C-alpha atoms as a PDB file:
ATOM      1  CA  UNK A   1      25.475   9.733  12.892  1.00  0.00           C
ATOM      2  CA  UNK A   2      22.375   9.406  11.155  1.00  0.00           C
ATOM      3  CA  UNK A   3      19.320  10.345  12.833  1.00  0.00           C
ATOM      4  CA  UNK A   4      15.965   8.766  12.610  1.00  0.00           C
ATOM      5  CA  UNK A   5      13.171  11.332  12.155  1.00  0.00           C
ATOM      6  CA  UNK A   6       9.740  10.768  13.580  1.00  0.00           C
ATOM      7  CA  UNK A   7       6.823  12.586  12.240  1.00  0.00           C
ATOM      8  CA  UNK A   8       3.369  11.900  13.743  1.00  0.00           C
ATOM      9  CA  UNK A   9       0.232  13.632  11.902  1.00  0.00           C
ATOM     10  CA  UNK A  10      -3.027  13.700  13.965  1.00  0.00           C
ATOM     11  CA  UNK A  11      -5.932  13.869  11.525  1.00  0.00           C
ATOM     12  CA  UNK A  12      -9.302  15.311  12.680  1.00  0.00           C
ATOM     13  CA  UNK A  13     -11.527  14.535   9.753  1.00  0.00           C
ATOM     14  CA  UNK A  14     -13.446  11.271   9.528  1.00  0.00           C
ATOM     15  CA  UNK A  15     -11.736   9.656   6.992  1.00  0.00           C
ATOM     16  CA  UNK A  16      -8.474  10.120   8.806  1.00  0.00           C
ATOM     17  CA  UNK A  17      -9.454   9.236  12.310  1.00  0.00           C
ATOM     18  CA  UNK A  18      -6.233   7.254  13.140  1.00  0.00           C
ATOM     19  CA  UNK A  19      -2.786   8.321  13.829  1.00  0.00           C
ATOM     20  CA  UNK A  20      -0.147   8.253  10.750  1.00  0.00           C
ATOM     21  CA  UNK A  21       3.282   7.654  11.917  1.00  0.00           C
ATOM     22  CA  UNK A  22       6.209   8.020   9.559  1.00  0.00           C
ATOM     23  CA  UNK A  23       9.866   7.175  10.422  1.00  0.00           C
ATOM     24  CA  UNK A  24      12.605   7.777   8.058  1.00  0.00           C
ATOM     25  CA  UNK A  25      16.408   8.700   7.906  1.00  0.00           C
ATOM     26  CA  UNK A  26      15.653  12.086   6.112  1.00  0.00           C
ATOM     27  CA  UNK A  27      12.873  14.574   5.856  1.00  0.00           C
ATOM     28  CA  UNK A  28      12.142  17.531   3.721  1.00  0.00           C
ATOM     29  CA  UNK A  29       8.846  19.362   3.598  1.00  0.00           C
ATOM     30  CA  UNK A  30       7.474  22.355   1.512  1.00  0.00           C
ATOM     31  CA  UNK A  31       4.428  23.388   3.434  1.00  0.00           C
ATOM     32  CA  UNK A  32       3.054  25.832   0.768  1.00  0.00           C
ATOM     33  CA  UNK A  33       3.388  23.125  -1.843  1.00  0.00           C
ATOM     34  CA  UNK A  34       2.034  20.588   0.452  1.00  0.00           C
ATOM     35  CA  UNK A  35       4.672  18.040  -0.132  1.00  0.00           C
ATOM     36  CA  UNK A  36       6.774  15.934   2.336  1.00  0.00           C
ATOM     37  CA  UNK A  37       9.608  13.765   1.117  1.00  0.00           C
ATOM     38  CA  UNK A  38      10.722  10.994   3.563  1.00  0.00           C
ATOM     39  CA  UNK A  39      14.026   8.790   2.393  1.00  0.00           C
ATOM     40  CA  UNK A  40      15.962   5.892   3.756  1.00  0.00           C
ATOM     41  CA  UNK A  41      14.282   2.972   5.429  1.00  0.00           C
ATOM     42  CA  UNK A  42      10.855   4.717   5.430  1.00  0.00           C
ATOM     43  CA  UNK A  43       8.285   2.945   7.681  1.00  0.00           C
ATOM     44  CA  UNK A  44       4.718   4.354   7.657  1.00  0.00           C
ATOM     45  CA  UNK A  45       2.164   2.849   9.983  1.00  0.00           C
ATOM     46  CA  UNK A  46      -1.747   3.840  10.327  1.00  0.00           C
ATOM     47  CA  UNK A  47      -3.866   1.481  12.375  1.00  0.00           C
ATOM     48  CA  UNK A  48      -2.956  -2.154  11.198  1.00  0.00           C
ATOM     49  CA  UNK A  49      -1.598  -0.906   7.699  1.00  0.00           C
ATOM     50  CA  UNK A  50       2.016  -0.576   7.182  1.00  0.00           C
ATOM     51  CA  UNK A  51       4.146   0.658   4.063  1.00  0.00           C
ATOM     52  CA  UNK A  52       7.860   0.262   3.804  1.00  0.00           C
ATOM     53  CA  UNK A  53      10.065   1.826   1.002  1.00  0.00           C
ATOM     54  CA  UNK A  54      13.185   3.727   0.065  1.00  0.00           C
ATOM     55  CA  UNK A  55      11.372   6.935  -0.590  1.00  0.00           C
ATOM     56  CA  UNK A  56       7.898   7.964   0.108  1.00  0.00           C
ATOM     57  CA  UNK A  57       6.456  11.471  -1.093  1.00  0.00           C
ATOM     58  CA  UNK A  58       3.080  12.648   0.852  1.00  0.00           C
ATOM     59  CA  UNK A  59       1.049  15.268  -0.924  1.00  0.00           C
ATOM     60  CA  UNK A  60      -1.267  17.253   1.441  1.00  0.00           C
ATOM     61  CA  UNK A  61      -4.366  19.548   0.920  1.00  0.00           C
ATOM     62  CA  UNK A  62      -4.865  23.135   2.368  1.00  0.00           C
ATOM     63  CA  UNK A  63      -5.933  21.335   5.782  1.00  0.00           C
ATOM     64  CA  UNK A  64      -2.808  19.531   5.877  1.00  0.00           C
ATOM     65  CA  UNK A  65      -4.696  16.130   5.442  1.00  0.00           C
ATOM     66  CA  UNK A  66      -2.763  13.532   3.053  1.00  0.00           C
ATOM     67  CA  UNK A  67      -4.321  13.059  -0.394  1.00  0.00           C
ATOM     68  CA  UNK A  68      -1.734  11.007  -2.001  1.00  0.00           C
ATOM     69  CA  UNK A  69       1.137   8.733  -0.996  1.00  0.00           C
ATOM     70  CA  UNK A  70       3.813   7.663  -3.468  1.00  0.00           C
ATOM     71  CA  UNK A  71       6.236   5.209  -2.339  1.00  0.00           C
ATOM     72  CA  UNK A  72       9.327   4.326  -4.395  1.00  0.00           C
ATOM     73  CA  UNK A  73      11.921   1.584  -4.185  1.00  0.00           C
ATOM     74  CA  UNK A  74      11.348  -1.848  -2.870  1.00  0.00           C
ATOM     75  CA  UNK A  75       8.040  -0.952  -1.534  1.00  0.00           C
ATOM     76  CA  UNK A  76       6.323  -3.565   0.553  1.00  0.00           C
ATOM     77  CA  UNK A  77       3.153  -3.322   2.298  1.00  0.00           C
ATOM     78  CA  UNK A  78       0.432  -4.879   4.635  1.00  0.00           C
ATOM     79  CA  UNK A  79      -3.174  -3.498   4.161  1.00  0.00           C
ATOM     80  CA  UNK A  80      -6.333  -4.635   6.034  1.00  0.00           C
ATOM     81  CA  UNK A  81      -9.606  -3.309   4.332  1.00  0.00           C
ATOM     82  CA  UNK A  82     -12.839  -2.276   6.377  1.00  0.00           C
ATOM     83  CA  UNK A  83     -14.514  -5.614   5.245  1.00  0.00           C
ATOM     84  CA  UNK A  84     -11.527  -7.675   6.606  1.00  0.00           C
ATOM     85  CA  UNK A  85      -9.524  -8.660   3.621  1.00  0.00           C
ATOM     86  CA  UNK A  86      -5.630  -8.607   4.521  1.00  0.00           C
ATOM     87  CA  UNK A  87      -3.339  -8.133   1.657  1.00  0.00           C
ATOM     88  CA  UNK A  88       0.467  -8.505   1.853  1.00  0.00           C
ATOM     89  CA  UNK A  89       2.908  -7.726  -1.100  1.00  0.00           C
ATOM     90  CA  UNK A  90       5.623  -5.694  -2.836  1.00  0.00           C
ATOM     91  CA  UNK A  91       6.136  -3.527  -5.790  1.00  0.00           C
ATOM     92  CA  UNK A  92       8.765  -1.254  -6.993  1.00  0.00           C
ATOM     93  CA  UNK A  93       6.103   1.821  -6.734  1.00  0.00           C
ATOM     94  CA  UNK A  94       3.075   2.229  -4.745  1.00  0.00           C
ATOM     95  CA  UNK A  95       0.580   5.081  -4.978  1.00  0.00           C
ATOM     96  CA  UNK A  96      -2.130   5.356  -2.322  1.00  0.00           C
ATOM     97  CA  UNK A  97      -5.243   7.729  -2.517  1.00  0.00           C
ATOM     98  CA  UNK A  98      -6.359   7.839   0.968  1.00  0.00           C
ATOM     99  CA  UNK A  99      -9.934   9.538   0.206  1.00  0.00           C
ATOM    100  CA  UNK A 100     -10.830   6.823  -2.273  1.00  0.00           C
ATOM    101  CA  UNK A 101      -9.016   4.191  -0.129  1.00  0.00           C
ATOM    102  CA  UNK A 102      -7.296   2.941  -3.510  1.00  0.00           C
ATOM    103  CA  UNK A 103      -4.042   1.581  -4.047  1.00  0.00           C
ATOM    104  CA  UNK A 104      -1.936   1.541  -7.479  1.00  0.00           C
ATOM    105  CA  UNK A 105       0.932  -0.915  -7.651  1.00  0.00           C
ATOM    106  CA  UNK A 106       3.700  -0.853 -10.427  1.00  0.00           C
ATOM    107  CA  UNK A 107       6.532  -2.812 -11.520  1.00  0.00           C
ATOM    108  CA  UNK A 108       7.036  -6.321 -10.518  1.00  0.00           C
ATOM    109  CA  UNK A 109       4.031  -6.349  -8.270  1.00  0.00           C
ATOM    110  CA  UNK A 110       3.191  -9.425  -5.887  1.00  0.00           C
ATOM    111  CA  UNK A 111       0.011  -9.026  -4.078  1.00  0.00           C
ATOM    112  CA  UNK A 112      -1.392 -11.621  -1.837  1.00  0.00           C
ATOM    113  CA  UNK A 113      -4.837 -11.699  -0.248  1.00  0.00           C
ATOM    114  CA  UNK A 114      -3.996 -13.601   2.840  1.00  0.00           C
ATOM    115  CA  UNK A 115      -7.246 -14.526   4.217  1.00  0.00           C
ATOM    116  CA  UNK A 116      -8.436 -15.835   0.914  1.00  0.00           C
ATOM    117  CA  UNK A 117      -5.310 -17.309  -0.291  1.00  0.00           C
ATOM    118  CA  UNK A 118      -5.345 -15.681  -3.699  1.00  0.00           C
ATOM    119  CA  UNK A 119      -2.196 -13.981  -5.446  1.00  0.00           C
ATOM    120  CA  UNK A 120      -1.839 -11.425  -8.231  1.00  0.00           C
ATOM    121  CA  UNK A 121       1.549 -11.153 -10.059  1.00  0.00           C
ATOM    122  CA  UNK A 122       1.639  -8.437 -12.674  1.00  0.00           C
ATOM    123  CA  UNK A 123       3.184  -5.115 -13.855  1.00  0.00           C
ATOM    124  CA  UNK A 124       0.305  -2.944 -12.751  1.00  0.00           C
ATOM    125  CA  UNK A 125      -2.460  -3.583 -10.079  1.00  0.00           C
ATOM    126  CA  UNK A 126      -5.158  -1.386  -8.770  1.00  0.00           C
ATOM    127  CA  UNK A 127      -6.895  -2.351  -5.588  1.00  0.00           C
ATOM    128  CA  UNK A 128     -10.259  -0.397  -4.959  1.00  0.00           C
ATOM    129  CA  UNK A 129     -10.791  -1.344  -1.309  1.00  0.00           C
ATOM    130  CA  UNK A 130     -14.249   0.321  -0.892  1.00  0.00           C
ATOM    131  CA  UNK A 131     -15.733  -1.407  -3.955  1.00  0.00           C
ATOM    132  CA  UNK A 132     -13.712  -4.595  -2.874  1.00  0.00           C
ATOM    133  CA  UNK A 133     -12.212  -4.666  -6.775  1.00  0.00           C
ATOM    134  CA  UNK A 134      -8.957  -5.354  -8.275  1.00  0.00           C
ATOM    135  CA  UNK A 135      -7.531  -4.833 -11.659  1.00  0.00           C
ATOM    136  CA  UNK A 136      -4.317  -6.212 -12.897  1.00  0.00           C
ATOM    137  CA  UNK A 137      -2.260  -5.673 -16.356  1.00  0.00           C
ATOM    138  CA  UNK A 138       0.801  -7.947 -17.339  1.00  0.00           C
ATOM    139  CA  UNK A 139       4.013  -6.509 -18.778  1.00  0.00           C
ATOM    140  CA  UNK A 140       4.283  -6.345 -22.616  1.00  0.00           C
ATOM    141  CA  UNK A 141       5.867  -9.958 -22.835  1.00  0.00           C
ATOM    142  CA  UNK A 142       4.500 -11.151 -19.398  1.00  0.00           C
ATOM    143  CA  UNK A 143       0.828 -12.106 -18.648  1.00  0.00           C
ATOM    144  CA  UNK A 144      -0.779 -11.356 -15.405  1.00  0.00           C
ATOM    145  CA  UNK A 145      -0.569 -14.553 -12.997  1.00  0.00           C
ATOM    146  CA  UNK A 146      -3.608 -15.059 -10.762  1.00  0.00           C
ATOM    147  CA  UNK A 147      -3.208 -17.982  -8.233  1.00  0.00           C
ATOM    148  CA  UNK A 148      -6.026 -19.466  -6.224  1.00  0.00           C
ATOM    149  CA  UNK A 149      -5.673 -22.096  -3.435  1.00  0.00           C
ATOM    150  CA  UNK A 150      -8.308 -24.551  -4.203  1.00  0.00           C
ATOM    151  CA  UNK A 151      -9.512 -26.821  -1.660  1.00  0.00           C
ATOM    152  CA  UNK A 152      -9.267 -30.631  -2.503  1.00  0.00           C
ATOM    153  CA  UNK A 153     -12.528 -32.570  -2.568  1.00  0.00           C
ATOM    154  CA  UNK A 154     -12.319 -34.996   0.489  1.00  0.00           C
ATOM    155  CA  UNK A 155     -14.686 -37.160  -1.044  1.00  0.00           C
ATOM    156  CA  UNK A 156     -12.798 -37.699  -4.266  1.00  0.00           C
ATOM    157  CA  UNK A 157     -10.282 -40.436  -2.745  1.00  0.00           C
ATOM    158  CA  UNK A 158     -13.204 -42.271  -1.373  1.00  0.00           C
ATOM    159  CA  UNK A 159     -15.563 -44.723  -3.054  1.00  0.00           C
END
């Protein structure tokens, strides 16, 4: 019988003031190296943010504070920034740097900004939530696709 492992890390630093909850089928850790590996239907929730993937590796510093998250295998995510921007999407690999609040998405990236109705499709996307900036790169033979929802001019049909 497969067991679901629950790991809750309480972080005292100001940057990590919310509870981080990780659920997975398997868990392995090397405390000296500062590496925790979660596998099998991994679900991570911190505040309103959520990350799902087949495998997630969490790197921590000497104070056991997460410094890097690497999610691999059909990663999906929901992110809300301090400024209120809401993102939802998927990628094959996601790397998150919590101190910088910076996300790197790789391979088959689909990133939607829900509240602004914008979408980026590409092979590599970097989202800097503190600066409110995004960078995207297409595949070798595929361009980056940016989709905007353009409101129609209501006066256009009236003369």
